[in-house]
C-alpha atoms as a PDB file:
ATOM      1  CA  MET A   1     -10.377  -6.061 112.897  1.00  0.00           C
ATOM      2  CA  ALA A   2     -11.014  -5.039 109.245  1.00  0.00           C
ATOM      3  CA  THR A   3     -14.288  -4.866 106.746  1.00  0.00           C
ATOM      4  CA  THR A   4     -15.918  -4.496 103.910  1.00  0.00           C
ATOM      5  CA  LEU A   5     -19.198  -3.308 103.183  1.00  0.00           C
ATOM      6  CA  ALA A   6     -21.179  -3.748 100.004  1.00  0.00           C
ATOM      7  CA  LYS A   7     -23.969  -1.604  98.387  1.00  0.00           C
ATOM      8  CA  ALA A   8     -27.506  -1.641 100.049  1.00  0.00           C
ATOM      9  CA  ALA A   9     -30.143  -5.319 100.299  1.00  0.00           C
ATOM     10  CA  GLU A  10     -31.933  -5.166  97.440  1.00  0.00           C
ATOM     11  CA  GLY A  11     -35.194  -3.631  97.983  1.00  0.00           C
ATOM     12  CA  THR A  12     -33.942  -0.438  99.641  1.00  0.00           C
ATOM     13  CA  VAL A  13     -33.174   2.786  98.533  1.00  0.00           C
ATOM     14  CA  ALA A  14     -30.116   4.367  99.618  1.00  0.00           C
ATOM     15  CA  GLU A  15     -28.770   7.801  98.633  1.00  0.00           C
ATOM     16  CA  HIS A  16     -25.109   8.112  99.116  1.00  0.00           C
ATOM     17  CA  THR A  17     -22.512  10.936  99.049  1.00  0.00           C
ATOM     18  CA  HIS A  18     -19.867   8.539  97.708  1.00  0.00           C
ATOM     19  CA  ALA A  19     -18.875   6.428  95.558  1.00  0.00           C
ATOM     20  CA  ALA A  20     -16.673   4.242  96.931  1.00  0.00           C
ATOM     21  CA  ARG A  21     -14.959   5.204 101.149  1.00  0.00           C
ATOM     22  CA  ILE A  22     -11.938   4.115 102.066  1.00  0.00           C
ATOM     23  CA  GLU A  23     -11.528   5.298 106.086  1.00  0.00           C
ATOM     24  CA  HIS A  24      -8.768   3.702 107.979  1.00  0.00           C
ATOM     25  CA  VAL A  25      -7.557   1.047 105.945  1.00  0.00           C
ATOM     26  CA  SER A  26      -4.050  -0.614 106.104  1.00  0.00           C
ATOM     27  CA  LYS A  27      -2.707  -3.977 105.065  1.00  0.00           C
ATOM     28  CA  SER A  28       0.170  -5.533 106.043  1.00  0.00           C
ATOM     29  CA  PHE A  29       1.246  -9.080 103.877  1.00  0.00           C
ATOM     30  CA  SER A  30       3.051 -11.768 106.498  1.00  0.00           C
ATOM     31  CA  GLY A  31       6.539 -13.444 104.768  1.00  0.00           C
ATOM     32  CA  PRO A  32       8.875 -15.912 105.990  1.00  0.00           C
ATOM     33  CA  ALA A  33      11.167 -12.229 106.972  1.00  0.00           C
ATOM     34  CA  GLY A  34       8.092 -11.258 109.320  1.00  0.00           C
ATOM     35  CA  SER A  35       5.375  -9.336 108.257  1.00  0.00           C
ATOM     36  CA  GLN A  36       5.565  -5.728 106.086  1.00  0.00           C
ATOM     37  CA  LEU A  37       3.168  -2.546 106.011  1.00  0.00           C
ATOM     38  CA  VAL A  38       1.804  -2.112 102.972  1.00  0.00           C
ATOM     39  CA  LEU A  39      -0.654   0.281 103.445  1.00  0.00           C
ATOM     40  CA  ASP A  40      -0.983   2.376 106.826  1.00  0.00           C
ATOM     41  CA  ASP A  41      -3.633   4.081 107.706  1.00  0.00           C
ATOM     42  CA  ILE A  42      -5.659   5.535 104.312  1.00  0.00           C
ATOM     43  CA  SER A  43      -8.748   7.410 104.617  1.00  0.00           C
ATOM     44  CA  LEU A  44     -10.309   8.495 100.727  1.00  0.00           C
ATOM     45  CA  ASP A  45     -13.930   9.912  99.477  1.00  0.00           C
ATOM     46  CA  VAL A  46     -14.748   9.423  95.969  1.00  0.00           C
ATOM     47  CA  ALA A  47     -17.985  11.253  94.578  1.00  0.00           C
ATOM     48  CA  PRO A  48     -20.744   9.987  92.302  1.00  0.00           C
ATOM     49  CA  GLY A  49     -19.040   9.934  88.833  1.00  0.00           C
ATOM     50  CA  GLU A  50     -15.319  11.847  90.154  1.00  0.00           C
ATOM     51  CA  PHE A  51     -12.381  10.028  88.094  1.00  0.00           C
ATOM     52  CA  VAL A  52      -9.807   9.261  90.615  1.00  0.00           C
ATOM     53  CA  THR A  53      -5.972   8.456  89.479  1.00  0.00           C
ATOM     54  CA  ILE A  54      -3.637   6.711  92.509  1.00  0.00           C
ATOM     55  CA  LEU A  55       0.154   7.599  91.395  1.00  0.00           C
ATOM     56  CA  GLY A  56       3.178   6.428  93.286  1.00  0.00           C
ATOM     57  CA  ALA A  57       6.557   4.479  92.680  1.00  0.00           C
ATOM     58  CA  SER A  58       6.551   0.540  91.864  1.00  0.00           C
ATOM     59  CA  GLY A  59       5.901  -1.171  95.541  1.00  0.00           C
ATOM     60  CA  CYS A  60       3.747   2.185  97.127  1.00  0.00           C
ATOM     61  CA  GLY A  61       0.672  -0.498  97.707  1.00  0.00           C
ATOM     62  CA  LYS A  62      -1.448   1.144  94.462  1.00  0.00           C
ATOM     63  CA  SER A  63      -2.401  -1.935  93.252  1.00  0.00           C
ATOM     64  CA  THR A  64      -3.086  -3.886  96.956  1.00  0.00           C
ATOM     65  CA  LEU A  65      -4.865  -0.415  97.299  1.00  0.00           C
ATOM     66  CA  LEU A  66      -7.340  -1.508  94.294  1.00  0.00           C
ATOM     67  CA  ASN A  67      -7.415  -4.907  94.659  1.00  0.00           C
ATOM     68  CA  LEU A  68      -9.085  -4.347  98.293  1.00  0.00           C
ATOM     69  CA  VAL A  69     -11.564  -1.580  96.790  1.00  0.00           C
ATOM     70  CA  ALA A  70     -12.396  -4.007  94.302  1.00  0.00           C
ATOM     71  CA  GLY A  71     -12.716  -7.123  96.964  1.00  0.00           C
ATOM     72  CA  LEU A  72      -9.800  -9.351  95.576  1.00  0.00           C
ATOM     73  CA  ASP A  73      -8.824  -9.128  99.269  1.00  0.00           C
ATOM     74  CA  LYS A  74      -9.674  -7.827 102.583  1.00  0.00           C
ATOM     75  CA  PRO A  75      -7.814  -5.225 104.530  1.00  0.00           C
ATOM     76  CA  THR A  76      -5.628  -5.438 107.664  1.00  0.00           C
ATOM     77  CA  ALA A  77      -7.534  -3.091 109.133  1.00  0.00           C
ATOM     78  CA  GLY A  78     -10.256  -0.210 108.655  1.00  0.00           C
ATOM     79  CA  ALA A  79     -13.070  -0.334 106.074  1.00  0.00           C
ATOM     80  CA  ILE A  80     -14.500   0.208 102.781  1.00  0.00           C
ATOM     81  CA  GLU A  81     -17.697   0.920 101.661  1.00  0.00           C
ATOM     82  CA  THR A  82     -18.950   0.460  98.130  1.00  0.00           C
ATOM     83  CA  PRO A  83     -22.692   1.149  98.188  1.00  0.00           C
ATOM     84  CA  GLY A  84     -22.893   0.988  94.776  1.00  0.00           C
ATOM     85  CA  GLY A  85     -22.364  -2.691  93.943  1.00  0.00           C
ATOM     86  CA  ARG A  86     -18.783  -4.056  93.740  1.00  0.00           C
ATOM     87  CA  PRO A  87     -16.550  -1.477  91.564  1.00  0.00           C
ATOM     88  CA  ALA A  88     -14.780  -2.542  87.607  1.00  0.00           C
ATOM     89  CA  LEU A  89     -11.744  -2.729  87.978  1.00  0.00           C
ATOM     90  CA  MET A  90      -9.508  -2.725  84.420  1.00  0.00           C
ATOM     91  CA  PHE A  91      -5.382  -3.265  84.657  1.00  0.00           C
ATOM     92  CA  GLN A  92      -2.894  -1.111  82.765  1.00  0.00           C
ATOM     93  CA  GLU A  93      -1.376  -4.378  81.613  1.00  0.00           C
ATOM     94  CA  HIS A  94      -2.844  -5.875  78.078  1.00  0.00           C
ATOM     95  CA  ALA A  95      -5.794  -5.050  79.380  1.00  0.00           C
ATOM     96  CA  LEU A  96      -6.049  -1.592  77.879  1.00  0.00           C
ATOM     97  CA  PHE A  97      -6.799  -1.193  73.797  1.00  0.00           C
ATOM     98  CA  PRO A  98      -4.054   1.666  73.202  1.00  0.00           C
ATOM     99  CA  TRP A  99      -5.636   3.411  70.942  1.00  0.00           C
ATOM    100  CA  LEU A 100      -8.433   4.612  72.998  1.00  0.00           C
ATOM    101  CA  THR A 101      -7.755   7.412  75.380  1.00  0.00           C
ATOM    102  CA  ALA A 102      -7.874   5.875  79.179  1.00  0.00           C
ATOM    103  CA  GLY A 103     -11.231   7.502  79.263  1.00  0.00           C
ATOM    104  CA  LYS A 104     -12.709   5.635  76.233  1.00  0.00           C
ATOM    105  CA  ASN A 105     -10.927   1.977  77.771  1.00  0.00           C
ATOM    106  CA  ILE A 106     -13.842   2.900  81.113  1.00  0.00           C
ATOM    107  CA  GLU A 107     -16.329   3.643  79.272  1.00  0.00           C
ATOM    108  CA  LEU A 108     -15.926   0.720  77.338  1.00  0.00           C
ATOM    109  CA  ALA A 109     -15.235  -1.537  80.195  1.00  0.00           C
ATOM    110  CA  LEU A 110     -18.311  -0.511  82.125  1.00  0.00           C
ATOM    111  CA  ARG A 111     -20.322  -0.567  78.416  1.00  0.00           C
ATOM    112  CA  LEU A 112     -19.479  -4.370  78.472  1.00  0.00           C
ATOM    113  CA  ARG A 113     -21.002  -4.778  82.400  1.00  0.00           C
ATOM    114  CA  GLY A 114     -23.783  -3.193  80.924  1.00  0.00           C
ATOM    115  CA  VAL A 115     -23.130  -0.267  83.429  1.00  0.00           C
ATOM    116  CA  ALA A 116     -23.106   2.831  80.482  1.00  0.00           C
END
């Protein structure tokens, strides 16, 4: 069974040692040829303020993992915890401004959400 945990209930104070925690997450997709395992037992802790880059070959599961963390899909197994609420997600293709650095693009997205 998969679990996705969100932030603490409103009105409560919680101290978190991580901005995101991915624990033993797996993801499978079903299709005509059967089940395809695309993520297998992934675990990762991201500290508050930490900048993380996920690199890998095309089709290795990077976008699938980001979709799970953003809450756009649910893991087949494992748990994802984002105590600060649902994270912002910015896709690389047409959403980036090429004249800005990666950091400035992220800063802009956070500013538009009222976070920064």
